[in-house]
């Protein structure tokens, strides 16, 4: 009933003149109402669709993520092996990180893979591996996907309506008001499209976070201790260098020594005269 009333208002406004200020403002007030009615109608349509339409018409949208952790003999060889699997499963590495501790080398790789290749690739990665940790998560985003899609369509319809109103506007104030609302709607469209693009990418590519590490034997990480002969020569060298350093500092104090000798000589002269 609301939709029918709005349509009648639009027809009356179109028949009443060539675009007066009052009709333009009425259209601008009716435009958000039209958006609210459309969104309400689309929401009701989605609810009916989820219960009445075939599954073939509404495809389920799922985001799959998983994680693996295991030990390897060589992180370099394992990294090369994972790279060889990328082409096979149409995957790519989105991020990677390597860090070295005192007893191990850790390597973290984030892989993006099409959903249909998610399970086969995990099976291939973990083949003949003793896992420390393994997890898989499935997030159903069907409702969010179609909701964003519907909201974008409604915003675009509202944008078209504002463009029609803008063509009818004659007063500067009306034009500025319509353009302000139009810019706001376009900004909302861009924001929704960004969310939809990100969501669609997460659906199109599942994520596998692979963490593998290599243990480092303690003795290989220990500095080699020098032999007795080397240590003896180093001690003599260090002692000689210490003596030279002491001599340099001592010679640097010669003015104070000269002053002390002068004071002693004066004191002796004074005592000799008193006698």
Protein backbone atom coordinates (compact mmCIF):
# COMPACT_ATOMS: atom_id res chain seq x y z
CA UNK A 1 0.00 0.00 0.00
CA UNK A 2 2.86 2.43 0.85
CA UNK A 3 4.57 1.70 -2.45
CA UNK A 4 1.34 2.40 -4.35
CA UNK A 5 0.90 5.71 -2.50
CA UNK A 6 4.44 6.82 -3.37
CA UNK A 7 3.93 5.97 -7.03
CA UNK A 8 0.74 8.04 -7.09
CA UNK A 9 2.61 11.00 -5.54
CA UNK A 10 5.31 10.70 -8.22
CA UNK A 11 2.69 10.64 -11.02
CA UNK A 12 0.86 13.67 -9.58
CA UNK A 13 4.13 15.58 -9.27
CA UNK A 14 5.01 14.75 -12.88
CA UNK A 15 1.61 15.91 -14.13
CA UNK A 16 1.47 19.04 -11.98
CA UNK A 17 4.23 21.05 -13.72
CA UNK A 18 7.71 21.18 -15.16
CA UNK A 19 9.55 20.87 -11.82
CA UNK A 20 8.55 23.48 -9.25
CA UNK A 21 10.42 23.82 -5.96
CA UNK A 22 7.56 22.28 -3.95
CA UNK A 23 7.36 19.16 -6.15
CA UNK A 24 11.15 18.74 -6.08
CA UNK A 25 11.26 18.94 -2.29
CA UNK A 26 8.38 16.47 -2.11
CA UNK A 27 10.32 14.07 -4.35
CA UNK A 28 13.42 14.48 -2.16
CA UNK A 29 11.40 13.65 0.95
CA UNK A 30 9.80 10.69 -0.81
CA UNK A 31 13.13 9.29 -2.06
CA UNK A 32 14.33 8.03 1.36
CA UNK A 33 10.84 6.64 1.98
CA UNK A 34 11.11 4.73 -1.28
CA UNK A 35 14.48 3.33 -0.15
CA UNK A 36 13.04 2.21 3.19
CA UNK A 37 10.08 0.55 1.47
CA UNK A 38 12.38 -1.15 -1.06
CA UNK A 39 14.70 -2.43 1.68
CA UNK A 40 11.75 -3.71 3.70
CA UNK A 41 10.34 -5.40 0.61
CA UNK A 42 13.69 -6.91 -0.29
CA UNK A 43 14.12 -8.19 3.27
CA UNK A 44 10.72 -9.87 3.10
CA UNK A 45 11.61 -11.25 -0.31
CA UNK A 46 14.81 -12.78 1.06
CA UNK A 47 12.91 -14.46 3.88
CA UNK A 48 10.39 -15.92 1.45
CA UNK A 49 13.17 -16.89 -0.94
CA UNK A 50 15.06 -18.78 1.76
CA UNK A 51 11.99 -20.91 2.45
CA UNK A 52 10.36 -21.27 -0.94
CA UNK A 53 13.05 -21.05 -3.63
CA UNK A 54 15.14 -24.00 -4.70
CA UNK A 55 18.69 -24.34 -3.44
CA UNK A 56 19.86 -23.98 -7.03
CA UNK A 57 18.56 -20.39 -7.09
CA UNK A 58 20.20 -19.36 -3.78
CA UNK A 59 23.73 -20.65 -3.53
CA UNK A 60 25.19 -21.14 -0.09
CA UNK A 61 28.12 -18.82 0.60
CA UNK A 62 30.82 -20.12 2.95
CA UNK A 63 34.20 -18.85 4.15
CA UNK A 64 36.63 -21.66 4.97
CA UNK A 65 39.81 -21.20 6.99
CA UNK A 66 42.27 -23.71 8.38
CA UNK A 67 45.59 -23.97 10.16
CA UNK A 68 48.44 -26.50 10.35
CA UNK A 69 51.52 -26.76 12.53
CA UNK A 70 54.28 -29.36 12.27
CA UNK A 71 58.03 -30.00 12.52
CA UNK A 72 60.33 -30.43 9.50
CA UNK A 73 63.96 -31.33 8.95
CA UNK A 74 64.58 -28.27 6.80
CA UNK A 75 62.39 -25.16 6.58
CA UNK A 76 63.95 -24.25 3.23
CA UNK A 77 63.04 -27.60 1.66
CA UNK A 78 59.51 -27.47 3.09
CA UNK A 79 58.99 -23.93 1.77
CA UNK A 80 60.06 -25.07 -1.71
CA UNK A 81 57.69 -28.05 -1.48
CA UNK A 82 54.75 -25.77 -0.63
CA UNK A 83 55.64 -23.51 -3.55
CA UNK A 84 55.51 -26.51 -5.88
CA UNK A 85 51.95 -27.27 -4.69
CA UNK A 86 50.63 -23.78 -5.46
CA UNK A 87 50.20 -24.25 -9.21
CA UNK A 88 48.64 -27.67 -8.75
CA UNK A 89 45.85 -26.28 -6.56
CA UNK A 90 45.57 -22.82 -8.20
CA UNK A 91 46.71 -21.22 -4.95
CA UNK A 92 49.01 -18.37 -3.98
CA UNK A 93 50.90 -17.16 -0.91
CA UNK A 94 49.36 -13.99 0.55
CA UNK A 95 51.89 -13.54 3.37
CA UNK A 96 54.92 -15.24 4.88
CA UNK A 97 57.18 -14.74 7.88
CA UNK A 98 60.41 -16.33 9.11
CA UNK A 99 61.98 -15.94 12.53
CA UNK A 100 64.85 -17.67 14.30
CA UNK A 101 65.07 -18.49 18.00
CA UNK A 102 67.90 -19.93 20.03
CA UNK A 103 66.75 -23.50 19.40
CA UNK A 104 64.55 -23.39 16.26
CA UNK A 105 63.70 -21.70 12.96
CA UNK A 106 59.99 -20.89 12.53
CA UNK A 107 58.29 -20.25 9.19
CA UNK A 108 54.67 -19.08 8.81
CA UNK A 109 52.93 -19.08 5.43
CA UNK A 110 49.36 -17.95 4.63
CA UNK A 111 47.98 -19.62 1.49
CA UNK A 112 44.89 -18.60 -0.49
CA UNK A 113 43.24 -21.47 -2.37
CA UNK A 114 39.88 -21.96 -4.18
CA UNK A 115 37.32 -23.64 -1.86
CA UNK A 116 37.09 -26.77 -4.02
CA UNK A 117 40.85 -27.30 -3.57
CA UNK A 118 40.90 -26.56 0.17
CA UNK A 119 40.60 -30.12 1.50
CA UNK A 120 42.80 -31.75 -1.20
CA UNK A 121 45.59 -29.25 -0.59
CA UNK A 122 45.48 -29.76 3.18
CA UNK A 123 45.65 -33.51 2.61
CA UNK A 124 48.66 -33.05 0.33
CA UNK A 125 50.46 -30.71 2.75
CA UNK A 126 49.97 -33.01 5.74
CA UNK A 127 50.91 -36.19 3.87
CA UNK A 128 53.47 -38.17 5.93
CA UNK A 129 53.59 -35.35 8.51
CA UNK A 130 53.20 -35.65 12.27
CA UNK A 131 51.03 -32.65 13.12
CA UNK A 132 51.36 -30.61 16.30
CA UNK A 133 48.10 -28.80 15.58
CA UNK A 134 45.33 -28.82 12.95
CA UNK A 135 42.09 -26.82 12.80
CA UNK A 136 39.40 -25.99 10.21
CA UNK A 137 36.62 -23.43 10.49
CA UNK A 138 33.57 -22.93 8.23
CA UNK A 139 31.62 -19.68 8.41
CA UNK A 140 28.23 -19.49 6.64
CA UNK A 141 27.84 -15.93 5.25
CA UNK A 142 24.93 -16.58 2.87
CA UNK A 143 22.57 -14.14 4.57
CA UNK A 144 25.21 -11.40 4.80
CA UNK A 145 26.17 -11.90 1.13
CA UNK A 146 22.66 -11.48 -0.26
CA UNK A 147 21.86 -8.72 2.22
CA UNK A 148 24.81 -6.65 0.97
CA UNK A 149 23.86 -7.39 -2.63
CA UNK A 150 20.28 -6.23 -2.01
CA UNK A 151 21.38 -3.07 -0.16
CA UNK A 152 23.67 -2.11 -3.03
CA UNK A 153 20.84 -2.54 -5.54
CA UNK A 154 18.51 -0.40 -3.42
CA UNK A 155 21.13 2.34 -3.04
CA UNK A 156 21.67 2.38 -6.81
CA UNK A 157 17.93 2.76 -7.38
CA UNK A 158 17.93 5.67 -4.92
CA UNK A 159 20.87 7.19 -6.77
CA UNK A 160 18.93 7.01 -10.05
CA UNK A 161 15.95 8.68 -8.37
CA UNK A 162 18.11 11.56 -7.10
CA UNK A 163 19.54 11.99 -10.60
CA UNK A 164 16.00 12.32 -11.97
CA UNK A 165 15.17 14.89 -9.29
CA UNK A 166 18.38 16.79 -10.09
CA UNK A 167 17.31 17.16 -13.72
CA UNK A 168 14.06 18.81 -12.58
CA UNK A 169 15.69 21.22 -10.10
CA UNK A 170 15.88 24.91 -11.08
CA UNK A 171 16.76 26.67 -7.83
CA UNK A 172 20.36 26.70 -6.62
CA UNK A 173 19.29 25.67 -3.12
CA UNK A 174 17.40 22.65 -4.51
CA UNK A 175 20.36 21.66 -6.68
CA UNK A 176 22.79 21.86 -3.75
CA UNK A 177 20.46 19.85 -1.51
CA UNK A 178 19.99 17.12 -4.11
CA UNK A 179 23.73 16.95 -4.81
CA UNK A 180 24.45 16.65 -1.07
CA UNK A 181 22.05 13.70 -0.77
CA UNK A 182 23.40 12.22 -3.99
CA UNK A 183 26.99 12.37 -2.72
CA UNK A 184 25.94 10.70 0.53
CA UNK A 185 24.20 7.88 -1.35
CA UNK A 186 27.22 7.37 -3.62
CA UNK A 187 29.52 7.25 -0.58
CA UNK A 188 27.29 4.58 0.97
CA UNK A 189 27.33 2.63 -2.31
CA UNK A 190 31.14 2.69 -2.42
CA UNK A 191 31.35 1.51 1.21
CA UNK A 192 28.90 -1.35 0.60
CA UNK A 193 30.67 -2.34 -2.61
CA UNK A 194 33.99 -2.46 -0.73
CA UNK A 195 32.47 -4.77 1.90
CA UNK A 196 30.90 -6.92 -0.79
CA UNK A 197 34.17 -7.16 -2.73
CA UNK A 198 36.09 -8.25 0.38
CA UNK A 199 33.41 -10.77 1.34
CA UNK A 200 33.29 -12.16 -2.20
CA UNK A 201 37.11 -12.58 -2.20
CA UNK A 202 36.99 -14.41 1.14
CA UNK A 203 34.36 -16.72 -0.31
CA UNK A 204 36.26 -17.27 -3.57
CA UNK A 205 39.57 -18.05 -1.79
CA UNK A 206 39.85 -20.08 1.38
CA UNK A 207 42.79 -19.53 3.73
CA UNK A 208 45.30 -22.11 4.98
CA UNK A 209 47.77 -20.89 7.62
CA UNK A 210 50.77 -23.22 7.61
CA UNK A 211 53.34 -23.05 10.42
CA UNK A 212 56.39 -25.30 10.31
CA UNK A 213 59.64 -25.25 12.27
CA UNK A 214 63.12 -26.75 12.30
CA UNK A 215 64.97 -27.55 15.52
CA UNK A 216 68.59 -26.38 15.82
CA UNK A 217 71.02 -28.61 17.80
CA UNK A 218 72.49 -26.65 20.71
CA UNK A 219 76.12 -27.51 19.93
CA UNK A 220 75.82 -26.09 16.40
CA UNK A 221 74.72 -22.76 17.80
CA UNK A 222 77.61 -22.58 20.35
CA UNK A 223 80.72 -20.52 19.64
CA UNK A 224 83.91 -22.55 19.16
CA UNK A 225 86.26 -22.15 22.15
CA UNK A 226 89.94 -21.40 21.20
CA UNK A 227 92.77 -23.80 22.12
CA UNK A 228 95.37 -23.39 24.90
CA UNK A 229 98.07 -21.90 22.64
CA UNK A 230 95.71 -19.31 21.24
CA UNK A 231 94.47 -18.43 24.70
CA UNK A 232 98.11 -18.08 25.99
CA UNK A 233 99.07 -15.72 23.15
CA UNK A 234 95.90 -13.73 23.69
CA UNK A 235 96.72 -13.40 27.41
CA UNK A 236 100.25 -12.12 26.70
CA UNK A 237 98.92 -9.70 24.13
CA UNK A 238 96.23 -8.46 26.49
CA UNK A 239 98.78 -8.01 29.31
CA UNK A 240 101.18 -6.06 27.07
CA UNK A 241 98.37 -3.87 25.80
CA UNK A 242 97.32 -3.23 29.42
CA UNK A 243 100.89 -2.23 30.37
CA UNK A 244 101.13 0.17 27.44
CA UNK A 245 97.78 1.69 28.39
CA UNK A 246 98.99 2.18 31.99
CA UNK A 247 102.24 3.76 30.74
CA UNK A 248 100.37 6.18 28.49
CA UNK A 249 98.11 7.31 31.31
CA UNK A 250 101.09 7.66 33.66
CA UNK A 251 103.01 9.83 31.21
CA UNK A 252 99.90 11.94 30.74
CA UNK A 253 100.18 12.91 34.45
CA UNK A 254 103.77 14.31 34.20
CA UNK A 255 102.76 17.94 35.01
CA UNK A 256 101.37 16.82 38.35
CA UNK A 257 104.61 14.91 39.08
CA UNK A 258 106.71 17.97 38.26
CA UNK A 259 104.54 20.10 40.53
CA UNK A 260 104.94 17.59 43.39
CA UNK A 261 108.76 17.64 43.00
CA UNK A 262 108.72 21.45 43.13
CA UNK A 263 106.63 21.51 46.29
CA UNK A 264 108.98 19.04 48.03
CA UNK A 265 112.03 21.12 47.02
CA UNK A 266 110.48 24.34 48.39
CA UNK A 267 109.52 22.66 51.67
CA UNK A 268 113.09 21.38 52.16
CA UNK A 269 114.57 24.81 51.47
CA UNK A 270 112.28 26.42 54.04
CA UNK A 271 113.21 23.84 56.70
CA UNK A 272 116.97 24.25 55.96
CA UNK A 273 116.81 28.03 56.57
CA UNK A 274 115.00 27.59 59.87
CA UNK A 275 117.79 25.38 61.12
